[in-house]
């Protein structure tokens, strides 16, 4: 999965680590037929997903909310970025 993500992206080599981290994240949350359509995450932590995981496409455009980090109230609220990995705390 990591190699497939790299094949369709144009990221420089320093960001390749992020590619494999995101591939691992996705694999751990995908259901597998072998384990009764449960994900490795569900099997490891013995709990069902209580919320719908919204996954963004790797290296797609996103506009994060920057307002909490702005120094002035007239600063831009967002700017275009790209998705490299998912937050472990959200």
N, C-alpha and C. Protein backbone atom coordinates (compact mmCIF):
# COMPACT_ATOMS: atom_id res chain seq x y z
N UNK A 1 0.83 -1.18 0.00
CA UNK A 1 0.00 0.00 0.00
C UNK A 1 0.87 1.25 0.00
N UNK A 2 1.95 1.23 0.77
CA UNK A 2 2.85 2.38 0.81
C UNK A 2 3.48 2.65 -0.53
N UNK A 3 3.89 1.60 -1.23
CA UNK A 3 4.49 1.77 -2.55
C UNK A 3 3.46 2.28 -3.56
N UNK A 4 2.22 1.85 -3.43
CA UNK A 4 1.17 2.35 -4.32
C UNK A 4 0.94 3.84 -4.09
N UNK A 5 0.94 4.27 -2.82
CA UNK A 5 0.79 5.69 -2.52
C UNK A 5 1.95 6.49 -3.10
N UNK A 6 3.17 5.96 -2.98
CA UNK A 6 4.34 6.65 -3.51
C UNK A 6 4.30 6.71 -5.04
N UNK A 7 3.84 5.65 -5.67
CA UNK A 7 3.80 5.60 -7.13
C UNK A 7 2.88 6.67 -7.71
N UNK A 8 1.85 7.05 -6.98
CA UNK A 8 0.89 8.03 -7.48
C UNK A 8 1.11 9.42 -6.90
N UNK A 9 2.20 9.62 -6.22
CA UNK A 9 2.48 10.93 -5.65
C UNK A 9 3.78 11.47 -6.23
N UNK A 10 4.05 12.69 -5.94
CA UNK A 10 5.32 13.29 -6.38
C UNK A 10 6.04 13.90 -5.19
N UNK A 11 6.01 13.18 -4.08
CA UNK A 11 6.65 13.66 -2.86
C UNK A 11 8.15 13.45 -2.91
N UNK A 12 8.92 14.39 -2.37
CA UNK A 12 10.36 14.17 -2.24
C UNK A 12 10.65 13.08 -1.20
N UNK A 13 11.82 12.50 -1.29
CA UNK A 13 12.19 11.36 -0.44
C UNK A 13 12.06 11.61 1.07
N UNK A 14 12.32 12.82 1.60
CA UNK A 14 12.17 13.01 3.05
C UNK A 14 10.76 12.74 3.57
N UNK A 15 9.73 12.77 2.71
CA UNK A 15 8.36 12.54 3.15
C UNK A 15 7.90 11.10 2.95
N UNK A 16 8.77 10.22 2.48
CA UNK A 16 8.39 8.84 2.24
C UNK A 16 8.01 8.12 3.53
N UNK A 17 8.62 8.49 4.63
CA UNK A 17 8.28 7.88 5.92
C UNK A 17 6.81 8.11 6.23
N UNK A 18 6.31 9.32 5.93
CA UNK A 18 4.90 9.63 6.17
C UNK A 18 4.00 8.74 5.32
N UNK A 19 4.46 8.40 4.13
CA UNK A 19 3.68 7.52 3.25
C UNK A 19 3.44 6.17 3.91
N UNK A 20 4.47 5.60 4.50
CA UNK A 20 4.32 4.29 5.12
C UNK A 20 3.58 4.36 6.45
N UNK A 21 3.67 5.48 7.15
CA UNK A 21 2.87 5.66 8.37
C UNK A 21 1.39 5.71 8.04
N UNK A 22 1.03 6.42 6.98
CA UNK A 22 -0.38 6.52 6.59
C UNK A 22 -0.88 5.18 6.07
N UNK A 23 -0.03 4.43 5.36
CA UNK A 23 -0.43 3.10 4.88
C UNK A 23 -0.71 2.17 6.06
N UNK A 24 0.12 2.22 7.07
CA UNK A 24 -0.10 1.40 8.27
C UNK A 24 -1.38 1.80 8.98
N UNK A 25 -1.64 3.08 9.08
CA UNK A 25 -2.87 3.59 9.70
C UNK A 25 -4.09 3.04 8.96
N UNK A 26 -4.06 3.11 7.64
CA UNK A 26 -5.20 2.65 6.84
C UNK A 26 -5.39 1.13 6.97
N UNK A 27 -4.32 0.37 6.89
CA UNK A 27 -4.41 -1.08 6.98
C UNK A 27 -5.00 -1.50 8.31
N UNK A 28 -4.61 -0.83 9.39
CA UNK A 28 -5.11 -1.19 10.72
C UNK A 28 -6.58 -0.85 10.93
N UNK A 29 -7.15 -0.06 10.06
CA UNK A 29 -8.55 0.31 10.19
C UNK A 29 -9.46 -0.31 9.14
N UNK A 30 -8.90 -1.07 8.22
CA UNK A 30 -9.69 -1.75 7.20
C UNK A 30 -10.21 -3.08 7.73
N UNK A 31 -11.45 -3.42 7.44
CA UNK A 31 -11.97 -4.73 7.87
C UNK A 31 -11.39 -5.85 7.00
N UNK A 32 -11.15 -7.00 7.62
CA UNK A 32 -10.63 -8.18 6.92
C UNK A 32 -11.63 -9.31 7.03
N UNK A 33 -11.89 -9.99 5.93
CA UNK A 33 -12.83 -11.11 5.90
C UNK A 33 -12.36 -12.25 6.80
N UNK A 34 -11.05 -12.44 6.89
CA UNK A 34 -10.47 -13.53 7.68
C UNK A 34 -10.80 -13.41 9.17
N UNK A 35 -10.94 -12.20 9.65
CA UNK A 35 -11.25 -11.98 11.07
C UNK A 35 -12.67 -11.42 11.23
N UNK A 36 -13.61 -12.04 10.51
CA UNK A 36 -15.04 -11.72 10.61
C UNK A 36 -15.35 -10.24 10.33
N UNK A 37 -14.75 -9.72 9.30
CA UNK A 37 -14.96 -8.33 8.89
C UNK A 37 -14.69 -7.31 9.99
N UNK A 38 -13.73 -7.61 10.82
CA UNK A 38 -13.27 -6.65 11.83
C UNK A 38 -11.91 -6.13 11.41
N UNK A 39 -11.54 -5.00 11.95
CA UNK A 39 -10.23 -4.44 11.64
C UNK A 39 -9.21 -4.89 12.69
N UNK A 40 -7.91 -4.87 12.36
CA UNK A 40 -6.90 -5.18 13.37
C UNK A 40 -6.99 -4.25 14.58
N UNK A 41 -7.39 -3.01 14.37
CA UNK A 41 -7.57 -2.06 15.48
C UNK A 41 -8.64 -2.56 16.44
N UNK A 42 -9.77 -3.03 15.88
CA UNK A 42 -10.86 -3.54 16.72
C UNK A 42 -10.44 -4.81 17.46
N UNK A 43 -9.68 -5.66 16.80
CA UNK A 43 -9.23 -6.91 17.43
C UNK A 43 -8.24 -6.62 18.56
N UNK A 44 -7.37 -5.65 18.36
CA UNK A 44 -6.34 -5.34 19.35
C UNK A 44 -6.93 -4.70 20.60
N UNK A 45 -7.84 -3.75 20.40
CA UNK A 45 -8.37 -2.99 21.53
C UNK A 45 -9.73 -3.49 22.02
N UNK A 46 -10.26 -4.55 21.42
CA UNK A 46 -11.52 -5.15 21.86
C UNK A 46 -12.67 -4.16 21.94
N UNK A 47 -12.74 -3.25 21.01
CA UNK A 47 -13.88 -2.35 20.98
C UNK A 47 -14.21 -1.99 19.54
N UNK A 48 -15.49 -1.82 19.31
CA UNK A 48 -15.97 -1.45 17.99
C UNK A 48 -15.76 0.03 17.75
N UNK A 49 -15.68 0.40 16.50
CA UNK A 49 -15.59 1.82 16.16
C UNK A 49 -16.91 2.48 16.51
N UNK A 50 -16.84 3.54 17.29
CA UNK A 50 -18.06 4.23 17.69
C UNK A 50 -18.33 5.44 16.81
N UNK A 51 -17.37 5.80 16.00
CA UNK A 51 -17.56 6.95 15.11
C UNK A 51 -17.13 6.56 13.71
N UNK A 52 -17.65 7.28 12.76
CA UNK A 52 -17.29 7.05 11.37
C UNK A 52 -15.95 7.73 11.10
N UNK A 53 -14.98 6.95 10.66
CA UNK A 53 -13.68 7.52 10.32
C UNK A 53 -13.76 8.15 8.94
N UNK A 54 -13.45 9.42 8.86
CA UNK A 54 -13.42 10.11 7.58
C UNK A 54 -11.97 10.17 7.15
N UNK A 55 -11.67 9.51 6.06
CA UNK A 55 -10.30 9.44 5.59
C UNK A 55 -10.11 10.33 4.38
N UNK A 56 -9.13 11.17 4.42
CA UNK A 56 -8.80 12.01 3.28
C UNK A 56 -7.84 11.26 2.38
N UNK A 57 -7.84 11.63 1.13
CA UNK A 57 -6.95 11.00 0.17
C UNK A 57 -5.54 11.49 0.42
N UNK A 58 -4.58 10.57 0.40
CA UNK A 58 -3.18 10.92 0.62
C UNK A 58 -2.73 11.94 -0.41
N UNK A 59 -2.09 12.95 0.01
CA UNK A 59 -1.54 14.03 -0.80
C UNK A 59 -2.63 14.86 -1.49
N UNK A 60 -3.82 14.93 -0.89
CA UNK A 60 -4.87 15.78 -1.45
C UNK A 60 -4.80 17.15 -0.79
N UNK A 61 -5.45 18.11 -1.40
CA UNK A 61 -5.47 19.46 -0.84
C UNK A 61 -6.38 19.51 0.38
N UNK A 62 -5.98 20.27 1.36
CA UNK A 62 -6.80 20.49 2.55
C UNK A 62 -6.56 21.92 3.03
N UNK A 63 -7.51 22.43 3.78
CA UNK A 63 -7.42 23.79 4.30
C UNK A 63 -7.62 23.74 5.82
N UNK A 64 -6.55 23.64 6.60
CA UNK A 64 -6.69 23.55 8.06
C UNK A 64 -7.12 24.89 8.67
N UNK A 65 -7.77 24.80 9.81
CA UNK A 65 -8.19 26.00 10.53
C UNK A 65 -6.98 26.56 11.29
N UNK A 66 -6.50 27.70 10.88
CA UNK A 66 -5.32 28.30 11.49
C UNK A 66 -5.64 29.41 12.50
N UNK A 67 -6.91 29.67 12.69
CA UNK A 67 -7.30 30.78 13.57
C UNK A 67 -6.69 30.69 14.97
N UNK A 68 -6.63 29.51 15.61
CA UNK A 68 -6.02 29.47 16.95
C UNK A 68 -4.54 29.84 16.96
N UNK A 69 -3.88 29.79 15.81
CA UNK A 69 -2.44 30.05 15.74
C UNK A 69 -2.11 31.45 15.20
N UNK A 70 -3.13 32.20 14.81
CA UNK A 70 -2.90 33.54 14.25
C UNK A 70 -2.52 34.54 15.32
N UNK A 71 -1.63 35.46 14.95
CA UNK A 71 -1.23 36.51 15.88
C UNK A 71 -2.15 37.72 15.78
N UNK A 72 -2.74 37.92 14.60
CA UNK A 72 -3.63 39.07 14.38
C UNK A 72 -4.96 38.57 13.85
N UNK A 73 -6.02 39.27 14.19
CA UNK A 73 -7.34 38.80 13.78
C UNK A 73 -7.60 38.97 12.29
N UNK A 74 -6.78 39.74 11.58
CA UNK A 74 -6.98 39.87 10.14
C UNK A 74 -6.10 38.91 9.33
N UNK A 75 -5.35 38.06 10.02
CA UNK A 75 -4.57 37.04 9.32
C UNK A 75 -5.51 36.04 8.65
N UNK A 76 -5.01 35.38 7.62
CA UNK A 76 -5.81 34.38 6.94
C UNK A 76 -6.21 33.27 7.90
N UNK A 77 -7.44 32.79 7.77
CA UNK A 77 -7.93 31.73 8.65
C UNK A 77 -7.45 30.36 8.22
N UNK A 78 -7.02 30.26 6.98
CA UNK A 78 -6.57 28.98 6.46
C UNK A 78 -5.62 29.21 5.29
N UNK A 79 -4.91 28.17 4.92
CA UNK A 79 -4.09 28.20 3.71
C UNK A 79 -4.04 26.79 3.15
N UNK A 80 -3.78 26.67 1.88
CA UNK A 80 -3.79 25.36 1.26
C UNK A 80 -2.59 24.55 1.73
N UNK A 81 -2.84 23.29 2.09
CA UNK A 81 -1.82 22.35 2.53
C UNK A 81 -2.10 21.01 1.85
N UNK A 82 -1.28 20.01 2.13
CA UNK A 82 -1.56 18.66 1.62
C UNK A 82 -1.57 17.67 2.76
N UNK A 83 -2.37 16.62 2.63
CA UNK A 83 -2.48 15.59 3.65
C UNK A 83 -1.28 14.65 3.55
N UNK A 84 -0.52 14.54 4.63
CA UNK A 84 0.61 13.61 4.68
C UNK A 84 0.39 12.50 5.69
N UNK A 85 -0.31 12.78 6.76
CA UNK A 85 -0.59 11.75 7.77
C UNK A 85 -1.80 12.16 8.58
N UNK A 86 -2.33 11.21 9.34
CA UNK A 86 -3.47 11.48 10.20
C UNK A 86 -2.99 11.74 11.61
N UNK A 87 -3.68 12.60 12.31
CA UNK A 87 -3.35 12.90 13.69
C UNK A 87 -3.65 11.69 14.57
N UNK A 88 -2.76 11.38 15.48
CA UNK A 88 -2.99 10.27 16.41
C UNK A 88 -3.92 10.66 17.55
N UNK A 89 -4.16 11.97 17.72
CA UNK A 89 -4.98 12.43 18.84
C UNK A 89 -6.41 12.80 18.42
N UNK A 90 -6.77 12.68 17.15
CA UNK A 90 -8.10 13.03 16.69
C UNK A 90 -8.72 11.87 15.94
